[in-house]
Amino acid sequence: MTESLTFADSIRIDADPATVYATVADVTRTGEWSPICRECWWDEGDSPHVGAWFTGRNVTADREWQTRSQVVVADEGRAFGWSVGPGRVHWTYSVEEAAGGTLLTESWEFLPEGQEFFVEKYGDHAAEEIAERTSAARTGIPETLRAIKKVIEQH
């Protein structure tokens, strides 16, 4: 497997870009909107800047696990992203002004290194595990964006 698998979707939010950015860059709030990630916490003293580390606790119907991630993009008011593993999966929120509000785009990229990790971990079942993660991103991203919109617009 040599190609990244990607997916992205967008939503318009009735709030300014600074507010939207501050919300999505606060990984400690992820549990408020993610269908899988129940909570995240920064390493001691870390905050949303490039190079910062955090841990996420994920839960699905059949398992629970933690991931370690490193912030790879922290362009205040524009984009915030992190690498799980790192180097296995990239998640990014892009923020841009749009029609008196903000267009928030969430993107997912399952990198070749991550896919190779799945081959090592799952062997003959790697393709179905990769397909399951791809499906989860395709359904989870729109769900997450709708939840972020609701959280921000209610405040």
N, C-alpha and C. Protein backbone atom coordinates (compact mmCIF):
# COMPACT_ATOMS: atom_id res chain seq x y z
N MET A 1 0.85 -1.19 0.00
CA MET A 1 0.00 0.00 0.00
C MET A 1 0.88 1.24 0.00
N THR A 2 0.75 2.02 -1.03
CA THR A 2 1.64 3.17 -1.14
C THR A 2 0.90 4.49 -1.23
N GLU A 3 -0.42 4.44 -1.32
CA GLU A 3 -1.18 5.68 -1.44
C GLU A 3 -1.88 6.02 -0.14
N SER A 4 -1.94 7.31 0.15
CA SER A 4 -2.72 7.75 1.30
C SER A 4 -4.20 7.60 0.97
N LEU A 5 -4.98 7.26 1.97
CA LEU A 5 -6.43 7.27 1.85
C LEU A 5 -6.90 8.57 2.48
N THR A 6 -7.79 9.29 1.81
CA THR A 6 -8.19 10.60 2.31
C THR A 6 -9.70 10.78 2.25
N PHE A 7 -10.17 11.69 3.11
CA PHE A 7 -11.56 12.11 3.08
C PHE A 7 -11.63 13.47 3.78
N ALA A 8 -12.51 14.33 3.29
CA ALA A 8 -12.72 15.64 3.92
C ALA A 8 -14.17 16.06 3.70
N ASP A 9 -14.67 16.87 4.62
CA ASP A 9 -16.00 17.43 4.48
C ASP A 9 -15.98 18.79 5.19
N SER A 10 -16.98 19.62 4.89
CA SER A 10 -17.03 20.98 5.45
C SER A 10 -18.42 21.32 5.94
N ILE A 11 -18.47 22.32 6.81
CA ILE A 11 -19.74 22.84 7.32
C ILE A 11 -19.58 24.32 7.61
N ARG A 12 -20.64 25.09 7.41
CA ARG A 12 -20.62 26.51 7.74
C ARG A 12 -21.14 26.69 9.15
N ILE A 13 -20.41 27.49 9.93
CA ILE A 13 -20.75 27.73 11.33
C ILE A 13 -20.97 29.23 11.54
N ASP A 14 -22.02 29.56 12.27
CA ASP A 14 -22.32 30.96 12.58
C ASP A 14 -21.45 31.43 13.75
N ALA A 15 -20.19 31.66 13.44
CA ALA A 15 -19.23 32.18 14.42
C ALA A 15 -18.01 32.64 13.64
N ASP A 16 -17.21 33.48 14.27
CA ASP A 16 -16.01 33.99 13.58
C ASP A 16 -14.92 32.91 13.56
N PRO A 17 -13.98 33.01 12.62
CA PRO A 17 -12.92 32.01 12.51
C PRO A 17 -12.09 31.84 13.78
N ALA A 18 -11.84 32.90 14.51
CA ALA A 18 -11.04 32.79 15.74
C ALA A 18 -11.74 31.90 16.77
N THR A 19 -13.05 32.05 16.88
CA THR A 19 -13.81 31.23 17.83
C THR A 19 -13.80 29.76 17.41
N VAL A 20 -14.02 29.52 16.13
CA VAL A 20 -14.03 28.14 15.63
C VAL A 20 -12.66 27.51 15.82
N TYR A 21 -11.61 28.23 15.48
CA TYR A 21 -10.25 27.70 15.64
C TYR A 21 -9.97 27.38 17.11
N ALA A 22 -10.28 28.31 18.00
CA ALA A 22 -10.01 28.10 19.43
C ALA A 22 -10.75 26.86 19.94
N THR A 23 -11.93 26.62 19.43
CA THR A 23 -12.71 25.46 19.86
C THR A 23 -12.06 24.16 19.40
N VAL A 24 -11.77 24.05 18.12
CA VAL A 24 -11.22 22.78 17.61
C VAL A 24 -9.78 22.54 18.04
N ALA A 25 -9.04 23.61 18.34
CA ALA A 25 -7.65 23.46 18.79
C ALA A 25 -7.56 23.05 20.26
N ASP A 26 -8.67 23.12 20.98
CA ASP A 26 -8.69 22.69 22.38
C ASP A 26 -9.03 21.21 22.41
N VAL A 27 -8.01 20.36 22.27
CA VAL A 27 -8.26 18.92 22.17
C VAL A 27 -8.94 18.36 23.41
N THR A 28 -8.88 19.06 24.53
CA THR A 28 -9.54 18.57 25.74
C THR A 28 -11.06 18.59 25.60
N ARG A 29 -11.57 19.26 24.57
CA ARG A 29 -13.02 19.31 24.32
C ARG A 29 -13.49 18.28 23.29
N THR A 30 -12.59 17.51 22.72
CA THR A 30 -12.92 16.58 21.64
C THR A 30 -14.08 15.65 22.00
N GLY A 31 -14.16 15.21 23.22
CA GLY A 31 -15.23 14.32 23.64
C GLY A 31 -16.62 14.92 23.50
N GLU A 32 -16.70 16.25 23.37
CA GLU A 32 -17.99 16.92 23.19
C GLU A 32 -18.58 16.67 21.80
N TRP A 33 -17.74 16.32 20.83
CA TRP A 33 -18.26 16.20 19.47
C TRP A 33 -17.84 14.94 18.71
N SER A 34 -16.83 14.25 19.15
CA SER A 34 -16.37 13.09 18.39
C SER A 34 -17.22 11.85 18.67
N PRO A 35 -17.59 11.10 17.61
CA PRO A 35 -18.35 9.88 17.83
C PRO A 35 -17.50 8.73 18.40
N ILE A 36 -16.18 8.84 18.33
CA ILE A 36 -15.31 7.76 18.80
C ILE A 36 -14.37 8.22 19.91
N CYS A 37 -13.77 9.39 19.76
CA CYS A 37 -12.82 9.87 20.77
C CYS A 37 -13.60 10.45 21.96
N ARG A 38 -13.49 9.81 23.09
CA ARG A 38 -14.26 10.23 24.27
C ARG A 38 -13.58 11.35 25.05
N GLU A 39 -12.23 11.40 25.00
CA GLU A 39 -11.52 12.45 25.70
C GLU A 39 -10.08 12.52 25.20
N CYS A 40 -9.49 13.70 25.35
CA CYS A 40 -8.08 13.92 25.05
C CYS A 40 -7.49 14.75 26.17
N TRP A 41 -6.20 14.59 26.38
CA TRP A 41 -5.51 15.41 27.37
C TRP A 41 -4.09 15.68 26.87
N TRP A 42 -3.65 16.92 27.17
CA TRP A 42 -2.31 17.35 26.79
C TRP A 42 -1.28 16.72 27.71
N ASP A 43 -0.09 16.49 27.18
CA ASP A 43 1.03 16.14 28.05
C ASP A 43 1.23 17.30 29.01
N GLU A 44 1.80 17.03 30.14
CA GLU A 44 2.02 18.04 31.18
C GLU A 44 2.56 19.35 30.59
N GLY A 45 1.77 20.40 30.74
CA GLY A 45 2.21 21.73 30.32
C GLY A 45 2.06 22.03 28.84
N ASP A 46 1.61 21.06 28.04
CA ASP A 46 1.49 21.32 26.61
C ASP A 46 0.19 22.04 26.28
N SER A 47 0.15 22.61 25.09
CA SER A 47 -0.98 23.39 24.60
C SER A 47 -0.97 23.30 23.07
N PRO A 48 -1.96 23.90 22.41
CA PRO A 48 -2.03 23.73 20.95
C PRO A 48 -0.96 24.49 20.17
N HIS A 49 0.25 23.92 20.13
CA HIS A 49 1.33 24.48 19.30
C HIS A 49 2.05 23.33 18.61
N VAL A 50 2.69 23.63 17.49
CA VAL A 50 3.40 22.60 16.74
C VAL A 50 4.44 21.94 17.65
N GLY A 51 4.41 20.62 17.64
CA GLY A 51 5.32 19.83 18.46
C GLY A 51 4.70 19.33 19.76
N ALA A 52 3.55 19.88 20.15
CA ALA A 52 2.89 19.47 21.39
C ALA A 52 2.35 18.04 21.24
N TRP A 53 2.30 17.33 22.37
CA TRP A 53 1.81 15.95 22.40
C TRP A 53 0.55 15.86 23.24
N PHE A 54 -0.35 14.96 22.81
CA PHE A 54 -1.54 14.67 23.61
C PHE A 54 -1.95 13.21 23.41
N THR A 55 -2.77 12.73 24.33
CA THR A 55 -3.28 11.37 24.29
C THR A 55 -4.79 11.43 24.12
N GLY A 56 -5.33 10.52 23.33
CA GLY A 56 -6.77 10.41 23.14
C GLY A 56 -7.26 9.03 23.56
N ARG A 57 -8.43 9.00 24.17
CA ARG A 57 -9.07 7.73 24.54
C ARG A 57 -10.27 7.53 23.62
N ASN A 58 -10.24 6.42 22.87
CA ASN A 58 -11.26 6.12 21.88
C ASN A 58 -12.08 4.91 22.30
N VAL A 59 -13.37 4.95 21.96
CA VAL A 59 -14.27 3.85 22.32
C VAL A 59 -15.20 3.54 21.16
N THR A 60 -15.29 2.26 20.81
CA THR A 60 -16.30 1.78 19.87
C THR A 60 -17.06 0.65 20.57
N ALA A 61 -18.05 0.10 19.90
CA ALA A 61 -18.86 -0.96 20.50
C ALA A 61 -18.02 -2.18 20.89
N ASP A 62 -16.93 -2.44 20.14
CA ASP A 62 -16.16 -3.65 20.40
C ASP A 62 -14.79 -3.45 21.02
N ARG A 63 -14.37 -2.19 21.23
CA ARG A 63 -13.06 -2.02 21.86
C ARG A 63 -12.84 -0.61 22.37
N GLU A 64 -11.80 -0.47 23.19
CA GLU A 64 -11.36 0.83 23.71
C GLU A 64 -9.84 0.88 23.59
N TRP A 65 -9.29 2.03 23.19
CA TRP A 65 -7.85 2.16 23.03
C TRP A 65 -7.44 3.62 23.16
N GLN A 66 -6.13 3.80 23.37
CA GLN A 66 -5.58 5.16 23.44
C GLN A 66 -4.62 5.36 22.28
N THR A 67 -4.52 6.62 21.86
CA THR A 67 -3.57 6.98 20.82
C THR A 67 -2.70 8.13 21.32
N ARG A 68 -1.49 8.20 20.78
CA ARG A 68 -0.59 9.32 21.05
C ARG A 68 -0.51 10.13 19.77
N SER A 69 -0.65 11.45 19.92
CA SER A 69 -0.63 12.32 18.75
C SER A 69 0.26 13.52 18.99
N GLN A 70 0.78 14.05 17.90
CA GLN A 70 1.62 15.24 17.96
C GLN A 70 1.04 16.29 17.02
N VAL A 71 0.94 17.51 17.52
CA VAL A 71 0.43 18.62 16.71
C VAL A 71 1.44 18.91 15.60
N VAL A 72 0.95 18.96 14.35
CA VAL A 72 1.81 19.23 13.20
C VAL A 72 1.45 20.53 12.51
N VAL A 73 0.26 21.08 12.80
CA VAL A 73 -0.17 22.37 12.24
C VAL A 73 -0.89 23.13 13.35
N ALA A 74 -0.47 24.35 13.59
CA ALA A 74 -1.16 25.21 14.56
C ALA A 74 -1.04 26.64 14.05
N ASP A 75 -1.77 26.93 12.98
CA ASP A 75 -1.77 28.24 12.35
C ASP A 75 -3.04 28.95 12.83
N GLU A 76 -2.89 29.70 13.91
CA GLU A 76 -4.03 30.27 14.62
C GLU A 76 -5.03 30.95 13.68
N GLY A 77 -6.27 30.56 13.82
CA GLY A 77 -7.34 31.12 13.00
C GLY A 77 -7.45 30.53 11.61
N ARG A 78 -6.55 29.59 11.27
CA ARG A 78 -6.55 29.02 9.91
C ARG A 78 -6.60 27.50 9.88
N ALA A 79 -5.70 26.84 10.61
CA ALA A 79 -5.66 25.37 10.56
C ALA A 79 -5.02 24.81 11.82
N PHE A 80 -5.57 23.68 12.25
CA PHE A 80 -5.03 22.95 13.39
C PHE A 80 -5.05 21.48 13.03
N GLY A 81 -3.91 20.80 13.18
CA GLY A 81 -3.86 19.39 12.81
C GLY A 81 -2.85 18.61 13.63
N TRP A 82 -3.03 17.30 13.63
CA TRP A 82 -2.15 16.43 14.41
C TRP A 82 -1.92 15.13 13.66
N SER A 83 -0.85 14.46 14.05
CA SER A 83 -0.47 13.19 13.47
C SER A 83 -0.58 12.12 14.54
N VAL A 84 -1.38 11.10 14.27
CA VAL A 84 -1.55 9.99 15.20
C VAL A 84 -0.44 8.98 14.93
N GLY A 85 0.18 8.55 15.97
CA GLY A 85 1.21 7.53 15.83
C GLY A 85 2.60 7.94 16.29
N PRO A 86 3.12 9.09 15.91
CA PRO A 86 2.74 9.91 14.76
C PRO A 86 3.19 9.28 13.45
N GLY A 87 2.67 9.82 12.36
CA GLY A 87 3.04 9.37 11.03
C GLY A 87 2.11 8.33 10.43
N ARG A 88 1.03 7.98 11.18
CA ARG A 88 0.11 6.97 10.67
C ARG A 88 -1.14 7.57 10.07
N VAL A 89 -1.71 8.55 10.77
CA VAL A 89 -2.93 9.20 10.31
C VAL A 89 -2.82 10.69 10.62
N HIS A 90 -3.18 11.53 9.68
CA HIS A 90 -3.23 12.98 9.92
C HIS A 90 -4.69 13.42 9.95
N TRP A 91 -5.02 14.23 10.94
CA TRP A 91 -6.32 14.88 11.04
C TRP A 91 -6.08 16.37 11.04
N THR A 92 -6.87 17.12 10.28
CA THR A 92 -6.70 18.57 10.21
C THR A 92 -8.05 19.26 10.17
N TYR A 93 -8.16 20.35 10.92
CA TYR A 93 -9.30 21.26 10.82
C TYR A 93 -8.80 22.51 10.13
N SER A 94 -9.44 22.88 9.03
CA SER A 94 -9.12 24.12 8.33
C SER A 94 -10.28 25.08 8.53
N VAL A 95 -9.95 26.35 8.76
CA VAL A 95 -10.93 27.37 9.10
C VAL A 95 -10.79 28.52 8.10
N GLU A 96 -11.91 28.94 7.51
CA GLU A 96 -11.86 30.12 6.64
C GLU A 96 -13.16 30.90 6.74
N GLU A 97 -13.01 32.21 6.64
CA GLU A 97 -14.18 33.09 6.71
C GLU A 97 -15.10 32.79 5.53
N ALA A 98 -16.43 32.76 5.82
CA ALA A 98 -17.38 32.45 4.76
C ALA A 98 -18.75 33.02 5.10
N ALA A 99 -19.24 33.93 4.28
CA ALA A 99 -20.61 34.45 4.38
C ALA A 99 -20.99 34.85 5.80
N GLY A 100 -20.17 35.68 6.42
CA GLY A 100 -20.47 36.17 7.75
C GLY A 100 -20.28 35.14 8.85
N GLY A 101 -19.68 34.03 8.54
CA GLY A 101 -19.40 32.99 9.52
C GLY A 101 -18.08 32.32 9.17
N THR A 102 -18.03 31.03 9.40
CA THR A 102 -16.79 30.29 9.15
C THR A 102 -17.10 28.98 8.45
N LEU A 103 -16.29 28.65 7.46
CA LEU A 103 -16.34 27.34 6.84
C LEU A 103 -15.29 26.49 7.54
N LEU A 104 -15.74 25.43 8.21
CA LEU A 104 -14.84 24.50 8.90
C LEU A 104 -14.75 23.23 8.08
N THR A 105 -13.53 22.84 7.73
CA THR A 105 -13.28 21.62 6.99
C THR A 105 -12.47 20.68 7.86
N GLU A 106 -12.93 19.44 7.96
CA GLU A 106 -12.17 18.41 8.67
C GLU A 106 -11.65 17.44 7.63
N SER A 107 -10.36 17.15 7.69
CA SER A 107 -9.78 16.21 6.73
C SER A 107 -9.03 15.10 7.46
N TRP A 108 -9.03 13.95 6.81
CA TRP A 108 -8.43 12.73 7.34
C TRP A 108 -7.54 12.16 6.26
N GLU A 109 -6.34 11.76 6.65
CA GLU A 109 -5.42 11.13 5.71
C GLU A 109 -4.77 9.93 6.39
N PHE A 110 -5.10 8.74 5.91
CA PHE A 110 -4.53 7.49 6.42
C PHE A 110 -3.27 7.25 5.60
N LEU A 111 -2.13 7.51 6.19
CA LEU A 111 -0.86 7.51 5.49
C LEU A 111 -0.36 6.08 5.21
N PRO A 112 0.52 5.93 4.21
CA PRO A 112 1.08 4.61 3.90
C PRO A 112 1.71 3.94 5.14
N GLU A 113 2.40 4.72 5.98
CA GLU A 113 3.01 4.15 7.19
C GLU A 113 1.94 3.54 8.11
N GLY A 114 0.80 4.21 8.21
CA GLY A 114 -0.29 3.69 9.02
C GLY A 114 -0.87 2.42 8.44
N GLN A 115 -0.99 2.39 7.13
CA GLN A 115 -1.52 1.20 6.47
C GLN A 115 -0.56 0.02 6.65
N GLU A 116 0.74 0.29 6.56
CA GLU A 116 1.74 -0.76 6.78
C GLU A 116 1.68 -1.27 8.22
N PHE A 117 1.45 -0.35 9.17
CA PHE A 117 1.28 -0.73 10.56
C PHE A 117 0.09 -1.70 10.69
N PHE A 118 -0.99 -1.43 9.98
CA PHE A 118 -2.16 -2.30 10.03
C PHE A 118 -1.85 -3.67 9.44
N VAL A 119 -1.04 -3.72 8.37
CA VAL A 119 -0.65 -5.00 7.78
C VAL A 119 0.13 -5.81 8.81
N GLU A 120 1.05 -5.15 9.52
CA GLU A 120 1.83 -5.85 10.54
C GLU A 120 0.93 -6.30 11.70
N LYS A 121 0.02 -5.44 12.11
CA LYS A 121 -0.82 -5.73 13.28
C LYS A 121 -1.93 -6.74 12.99
N TYR A 122 -2.58 -6.62 11.82
CA TYR A 122 -3.76 -7.43 11.53
C TYR A 122 -3.54 -8.53 10.49
N GLY A 123 -2.37 -8.56 9.85
CA GLY A 123 -2.06 -9.62 8.89
C GLY A 123 -3.10 -9.73 7.80
N ASP A 124 -3.67 -10.93 7.64
CA ASP A 124 -4.64 -11.19 6.58
C ASP A 124 -5.92 -10.37 6.71
N HIS A 125 -6.16 -9.80 7.89
CA HIS A 125 -7.37 -9.00 8.13
C HIS A 125 -7.12 -7.50 7.96
N ALA A 126 -5.92 -7.13 7.53
CA ALA A 126 -5.57 -5.71 7.41
C ALA A 126 -6.50 -4.96 6.46
N ALA A 127 -6.81 -5.54 5.31
CA ALA A 127 -7.65 -4.84 4.33
C ALA A 127 -9.02 -4.52 4.91
N GLU A 128 -9.62 -5.46 5.65
CA GLU A 128 -10.93 -5.16 6.23
C GLU A 128 -10.83 -4.14 7.36
N GLU A 129 -9.74 -4.17 8.13
CA GLU A 129 -9.54 -3.17 9.19
C GLU A 129 -9.35 -1.77 8.59
N ILE A 130 -8.59 -1.69 7.51
CA ILE A 130 -8.38 -0.42 6.82
C ILE A 130 -9.69 0.09 6.24
N ALA A 131 -10.47 -0.81 5.65
CA ALA A 131 -11.78 -0.43 5.10
C ALA A 131 -12.71 0.06 6.21
N GLU A 132 -12.64 -0.57 7.37
CA GLU A 132 -13.46 -0.16 8.50
C GLU A 132 -13.08 1.25 8.97
N ARG A 133 -11.78 1.56 9.03
CA ARG A 133 -11.34 2.89 9.45
C ARG A 133 -11.73 3.94 8.41
N THR A 134 -11.65 3.58 7.14
CA THR A 134 -12.05 4.49 6.08
C THR A 134 -13.54 4.79 6.17
N SER A 135 -14.33 3.77 6.37
CA SER A 135 -15.77 3.96 6.53
C SER A 135 -16.09 4.82 7.75
N ALA A 136 -15.37 4.58 8.84
CA ALA A 136 -15.59 5.37 10.07
C ALA A 136 -15.28 6.84 9.82
N ALA A 137 -14.24 7.14 9.05
CA ALA A 137 -13.92 8.54 8.73
C ALA A 137 -15.02 9.15 7.87
N ARG A 138 -15.49 8.42 6.88
CA ARG A 138 -16.52 8.94 5.97
C ARG A 138 -17.85 9.21 6.67
N THR A 139 -18.19 8.44 7.68
CA THR A 139 -19.42 8.71 8.43
C THR A 139 -19.16 9.61 9.63
N GLY A 140 -17.99 9.46 10.24
CA GLY A 140 -17.68 10.21 11.46
C GLY A 140 -17.39 11.68 11.24
N ILE A 141 -16.75 12.02 10.14
CA ILE A 141 -16.41 13.43 9.90
C ILE A 141 -17.67 14.29 9.75
N PRO A 142 -18.64 13.93 8.93
CA PRO A 142 -19.86 14.76 8.87
C PRO A 142 -20.57 14.84 10.23
N GLU A 143 -20.59 13.73 10.96
CA GLU A 143 -21.22 13.71 12.28
C GLU A 143 -20.47 14.65 13.24
N THR A 144 -19.16 14.60 13.20
CA THR A 144 -18.34 15.46 14.04
C THR A 144 -18.56 16.93 13.71
N LEU A 145 -18.57 17.26 12.43
CA LEU A 145 -18.77 18.65 12.02
C LEU A 145 -20.12 19.18 12.48
N ARG A 146 -21.17 18.38 12.35
CA ARG A 146 -22.49 18.81 12.82
C ARG A 146 -22.48 19.05 14.34
N ALA A 147 -21.78 18.18 15.07
CA ALA A 147 -21.71 18.33 16.52
C ALA A 147 -20.90 19.57 16.92
N ILE A 148 -19.80 19.84 16.22
CA ILE A 148 -19.00 21.05 16.50
C ILE A 148 -19.87 22.30 16.25
N LYS A 149 -20.58 22.31 15.13
CA LYS A 149 -21.46 23.43 14.81
C LYS A 149 -22.45 23.67 15.95
N LYS A 150 -23.07 22.60 16.42
CA LYS A 150 -24.05 22.71 17.50
C LYS A 150 -23.40 23.27 18.78
N VAL A 151 -22.25 22.73 19.14
CA VAL A 151 -21.53 23.19 20.35
C VAL A 151 -21.22 24.69 20.25
N ILE A 152 -20.68 25.11 19.11
CA ILE A 152 -20.27 26.51 18.97
C ILE A 152 -21.48 27.43 18.88
N GLU A 153 -22.48 27.07 18.13
CA GLU A 153 -23.63 27.96 17.94
C GLU A 153 -24.52 28.05 19.16
N GLN A 154 -24.42 27.10 20.07
CA GLN A 154 -25.21 27.17 21.31
C GLN A 154 -24.60 28.13 22.32
N HIS A 155 -23.38 28.54 22.12
CA HIS A 155 -22.72 29.42 23.08
C HIS A 155 -22.75 30.87 22.66
